[in-house]
Amino acid sequence: MKTRDRILQCSLEMFSQYGHVKVSTVEIANALEISPGNLYYHFNGKDQLLTELFYEYEAAINKLMSFYEDDVQAFEDYWAYLNVYVGLIQQYSFFYRDMKVIFDENKLLKRRFMRLVNNHHSFFLKMLTSLNASSEIKMSEAQQSSMADTICLIATNSLDTQLAEEDYDLQAITQRIVLRIIMLVEPYFSSESKEKYQHEVEQNPVEATSLFS
């Protein structure tokens, strides 16, 4: 892997675990066992690192959304897809935790970030609308919109991520968030959907947090 890519990967991991505010470029360089000068040869500071990481995140979310129509067919597919989507959000969770600091300093990224947040809402609403259209859940349009807002808040503002510095486990965090979302939507499941859901619970009595993943 090229040094530039290693710097981005290490920055992403450290920002996600500790938060962008708590990590310096010197600490990133030390973690990679390179000199700060080597890091600055590739990036002129944290602002450029953040910009590059945001573009990566934005592209990954847009690519994932573009596959939605082909990849989501059966009831279980929704939750497997949601697991991937939420996992991607959590991988870049520092943008949400530190957004006031990050975006107060970068107005261009702030506009793109707000557009991305709106896309999150649109995706969750689309998922709920599809489930409702296929009679997997029963919700009014107003309930779907409100639920999409709530899911968006849970996915992007998880307390798990904020408390995970010492024992950071992205997969476990993602699974807990997805389980919360499933439990939130479960009261609206149709009878058949509840049976499918209960079947998955029975098949995974110990690994309940990995349902549909």
Protein backbone atom coordinates (compact mmCIF):
# COMPACT_ATOMS: atom_id res chain seq x y z
CA MET A 1 0.00 0.00 0.00
CA LYS A 2 1.28 3.46 -0.90
CA THR A 3 2.25 5.81 1.92
CA ARG A 4 -0.53 8.22 1.00
CA ASP A 5 -3.15 5.47 1.26
CA ARG A 6 -1.67 4.24 4.54
CA ILE A 7 -1.95 7.74 5.98
CA LEU A 8 -5.61 7.99 4.97
CA GLN A 9 -6.41 4.55 6.36
CA CYS A 10 -4.65 5.22 9.66
CA SER A 11 -6.30 8.64 9.96
CA LEU A 12 -9.72 7.10 9.39
CA GLU A 13 -9.14 4.44 12.04
CA MET A 14 -7.81 6.89 14.63
CA PHE A 15 -10.43 9.57 13.94
CA SER A 16 -13.21 6.97 14.20
CA GLN A 17 -11.92 5.55 17.46
CA TYR A 18 -10.81 8.70 19.27
CA GLY A 19 -12.46 11.55 17.38
CA HIS A 20 -10.85 14.02 14.99
CA VAL A 21 -10.28 16.62 17.73
CA LYS A 22 -8.19 14.29 19.91
CA VAL A 23 -5.84 13.08 17.16
CA SER A 24 -2.92 15.12 15.85
CA THR A 25 -0.97 14.65 12.64
CA VAL A 26 2.09 13.83 14.78
CA GLU A 27 0.18 10.98 16.43
CA ILE A 28 -0.87 9.67 13.02
CA ALA A 29 2.74 9.80 11.83
CA ASN A 30 3.92 8.02 15.00
CA ALA A 31 1.30 5.30 14.56
CA LEU A 32 2.58 4.72 11.03
CA GLU A 33 6.22 4.98 12.12
CA ILE A 34 6.92 7.72 9.60
CA SER A 35 8.18 11.25 10.16
CA PRO A 36 5.72 14.17 10.40
CA GLY A 37 7.55 15.62 7.42
CA ASN A 38 6.69 12.54 5.38
CA LEU A 39 3.02 12.96 6.28
CA TYR A 40 3.11 16.64 5.33
CA TYR A 41 4.73 15.71 2.02
CA HIS A 42 1.44 13.99 1.13
CA PHE A 43 -1.05 16.17 3.04
CA ASN A 44 -0.77 19.77 4.19
CA GLY A 45 -2.59 19.07 7.47
CA LYS A 46 -5.71 17.65 9.09
CA ASP A 47 -8.03 19.76 6.97
CA GLN A 48 -6.85 18.09 3.79
CA LEU A 49 -7.03 14.67 5.46
CA LEU A 50 -10.63 15.36 6.48
CA THR A 51 -11.53 16.54 2.99
CA GLU A 52 -10.06 13.43 1.36
CA LEU A 53 -11.78 11.13 3.87
CA PHE A 54 -15.10 12.89 3.38
CA TYR A 55 -14.89 12.46 -0.40
CA GLU A 56 -14.17 8.75 0.15
CA TYR A 57 -17.17 8.45 2.48
CA GLU A 58 -19.48 10.37 0.16
CA ALA A 59 -18.49 8.19 -2.81
CA ALA A 60 -18.94 4.97 -0.80
CA ILE A 61 -22.44 5.97 0.38
CA ASN A 62 -23.50 6.98 -3.13
CA LYS A 63 -22.17 3.73 -4.57
CA LEU A 64 -23.98 1.69 -1.92
CA MET A 65 -27.24 3.51 -2.60
CA SER A 66 -26.88 2.85 -6.34
CA PHE A 67 -26.88 -0.91 -5.68
CA TYR A 68 -30.05 -0.80 -3.57
CA GLU A 69 -32.57 -1.71 -6.27
CA ASP A 70 -30.64 -4.79 -7.41
CA ASP A 71 -29.48 -6.05 -4.01
CA VAL A 72 -32.65 -5.70 -1.94
CA GLN A 73 -35.37 -8.15 -2.91
CA ALA A 74 -36.42 -10.37 0.02
CA PHE A 75 -37.45 -9.28 3.53
CA GLU A 76 -34.10 -10.34 5.02
CA ASP A 77 -32.20 -8.35 2.38
CA TYR A 78 -33.37 -5.06 3.86
CA TRP A 79 -31.68 -5.74 7.18
CA ALA A 80 -28.49 -7.14 5.65
CA TYR A 81 -28.28 -4.02 3.49
CA LEU A 82 -29.02 -1.83 6.50
CA ASN A 83 -26.18 -3.53 8.36
CA VAL A 84 -23.74 -2.55 5.60
CA TYR A 85 -25.13 0.99 5.37
CA VAL A 86 -24.98 1.62 9.13
CA GLY A 87 -21.51 0.06 9.27
CA LEU A 88 -20.30 2.55 6.70
CA ILE A 89 -21.77 5.44 8.68
CA GLN A 90 -20.07 4.18 11.84
CA GLN A 91 -16.74 3.80 10.06
CA TYR A 92 -16.85 7.56 9.42
CA SER A 93 -18.71 8.39 12.64
CA PHE A 94 -16.27 11.15 13.64
CA PHE A 95 -17.85 13.42 11.03
CA TYR A 96 -21.05 13.34 13.10
CA ARG A 97 -19.41 13.49 16.53
CA ASP A 98 -17.11 16.39 15.64
CA MET A 99 -19.24 18.06 12.98
CA LYS A 100 -19.45 21.49 14.64
CA VAL A 101 -15.67 21.81 14.78
CA ILE A 102 -15.06 20.25 11.37
CA PHE A 103 -17.72 22.08 9.40
CA ASP A 104 -17.41 25.46 11.10
CA GLU A 105 -13.93 25.49 9.61
CA ASN A 106 -14.91 24.12 6.19
CA LYS A 107 -18.09 25.58 4.70
CA LEU A 108 -17.80 23.64 1.44
CA LEU A 109 -17.72 20.31 3.26
CA LYS A 110 -20.60 21.47 5.45
CA ARG A 111 -22.87 21.90 2.43
CA ARG A 112 -21.90 18.51 1.05
CA PHE A 113 -22.30 16.92 4.47
CA MET A 114 -25.83 18.28 4.88
CA ARG A 115 -26.71 16.93 1.44
CA LEU A 116 -25.37 13.55 2.54
CA VAL A 117 -27.47 13.61 5.72
CA ASN A 118 -30.54 14.33 3.59
CA ASN A 119 -29.58 11.33 1.46
CA HIS A 120 -29.52 9.18 4.61
CA HIS A 121 -33.10 10.21 5.36
CA SER A 122 -34.12 9.53 1.75
CA PHE A 123 -32.55 6.08 1.87
CA PHE A 124 -34.25 5.08 5.12
CA LEU A 125 -37.57 6.47 3.88
CA LYS A 126 -37.19 4.54 0.63
CA MET A 127 -36.52 1.36 2.57
CA LEU A 128 -39.61 1.84 4.73
CA THR A 129 -41.75 2.74 1.72
CA SER A 130 -40.64 -0.44 -0.06
CA LEU A 131 -41.37 -2.56 3.01
CA ASN A 132 -44.77 -0.95 3.30
CA ALA A 133 -45.55 -1.44 -0.40
CA SER A 134 -44.69 -5.14 -0.13
CA SER A 135 -46.92 -5.42 2.99
CA GLU A 136 -43.97 -6.38 5.21
CA ILE A 137 -44.81 -3.44 7.49
CA LYS A 138 -47.91 -1.32 7.98
CA MET A 139 -47.22 2.41 8.30
CA SER A 140 -48.85 5.61 7.15
CA GLU A 141 -46.78 8.04 5.06
CA ALA A 142 -46.43 10.34 8.07
CA GLN A 143 -45.22 7.44 10.23
CA GLN A 144 -42.71 6.42 7.57
CA SER A 145 -41.25 9.92 7.38
CA SER A 146 -41.04 10.23 11.16
CA MET A 147 -39.50 6.77 11.47
CA ALA A 148 -36.91 7.62 8.80
CA ASP A 149 -35.91 10.67 10.88
CA THR A 150 -35.56 8.53 14.00
CA ILE A 151 -33.54 5.84 12.24
CA CYS A 152 -31.25 8.52 10.84
CA LEU A 153 -30.66 9.91 14.33
CA ILE A 154 -29.91 6.45 15.76
CA ALA A 155 -27.56 5.55 12.90
CA THR A 156 -25.55 8.77 13.03
CA ASN A 157 -25.56 9.64 16.75
CA SER A 158 -24.99 6.35 18.52
CA LEU A 159 -23.85 6.53 22.14
CA ASP A 160 -21.93 3.29 21.54
CA THR A 161 -19.51 5.06 19.22
CA GLN A 162 -18.95 7.90 21.68
CA LEU A 163 -18.09 5.48 24.49
CA ALA A 164 -15.99 3.07 22.43
CA GLU A 165 -12.52 4.62 22.67
CA GLU A 166 -11.01 1.97 24.94
CA ASP A 167 -12.61 -1.10 23.38
CA TYR A 168 -13.45 -0.10 19.83
CA ASP A 169 -15.29 -2.80 17.87
CA LEU A 170 -16.90 -1.45 14.69
CA GLN A 171 -18.80 -4.65 13.91
CA ALA A 172 -20.27 -4.95 17.41
CA ILE A 173 -21.28 -1.28 17.43
CA THR A 174 -22.94 -1.65 14.02
CA GLN A 175 -24.83 -4.78 15.05
CA ARG A 176 -26.19 -3.14 18.20
CA ILE A 177 -27.40 -0.12 16.22
CA VAL A 178 -29.07 -2.29 13.57
CA LEU A 179 -30.77 -4.34 16.29
CA ARG A 180 -32.14 -1.13 17.84
CA ILE A 181 -33.51 -0.09 14.45
CA ILE A 182 -35.11 -3.50 13.90
CA MET A 183 -36.71 -3.35 17.36
CA LEU A 184 -37.98 0.14 16.57
CA VAL A 185 -39.66 -1.03 13.36
CA GLU A 186 -40.81 -4.42 14.69
CA PRO A 187 -44.17 -3.20 16.11
CA TYR A 188 -45.14 -2.28 12.54
CA PHE A 189 -44.25 -5.70 11.08
CA SER A 190 -47.05 -7.66 9.44
CA SER A 191 -47.91 -11.06 10.91
CA GLU A 192 -45.81 -12.83 8.28
CA SER A 193 -42.87 -10.49 8.86
CA LYS A 194 -43.04 -11.11 12.60
CA GLU A 195 -42.84 -14.85 11.93
CA LYS A 196 -39.75 -14.33 9.75
CA TYR A 197 -38.23 -12.13 12.43
CA GLN A 198 -38.94 -14.65 15.20
CA HIS A 199 -37.46 -17.41 13.05
CA GLU A 200 -34.22 -15.45 12.79
CA VAL A 201 -34.21 -14.90 16.55
CA GLU A 202 -34.67 -18.62 17.15
CA GLN A 203 -31.89 -19.43 14.70
CA ASN A 204 -29.55 -16.96 16.43
CA PRO A 205 -30.44 -17.06 20.16
CA VAL A 206 -26.92 -16.12 21.27
CA GLU A 207 -25.88 -13.82 18.42
CA ALA A 208 -29.10 -11.82 18.52
CA THR A 209 -27.33 -8.59 17.62
CA SER A 210 -26.23 -10.00 14.27
CA LEU A 211 -29.76 -10.56 12.98
CA PHE A 212 -30.02 -10.33 9.21
CA SER A 213 -26.30 -9.43 8.90
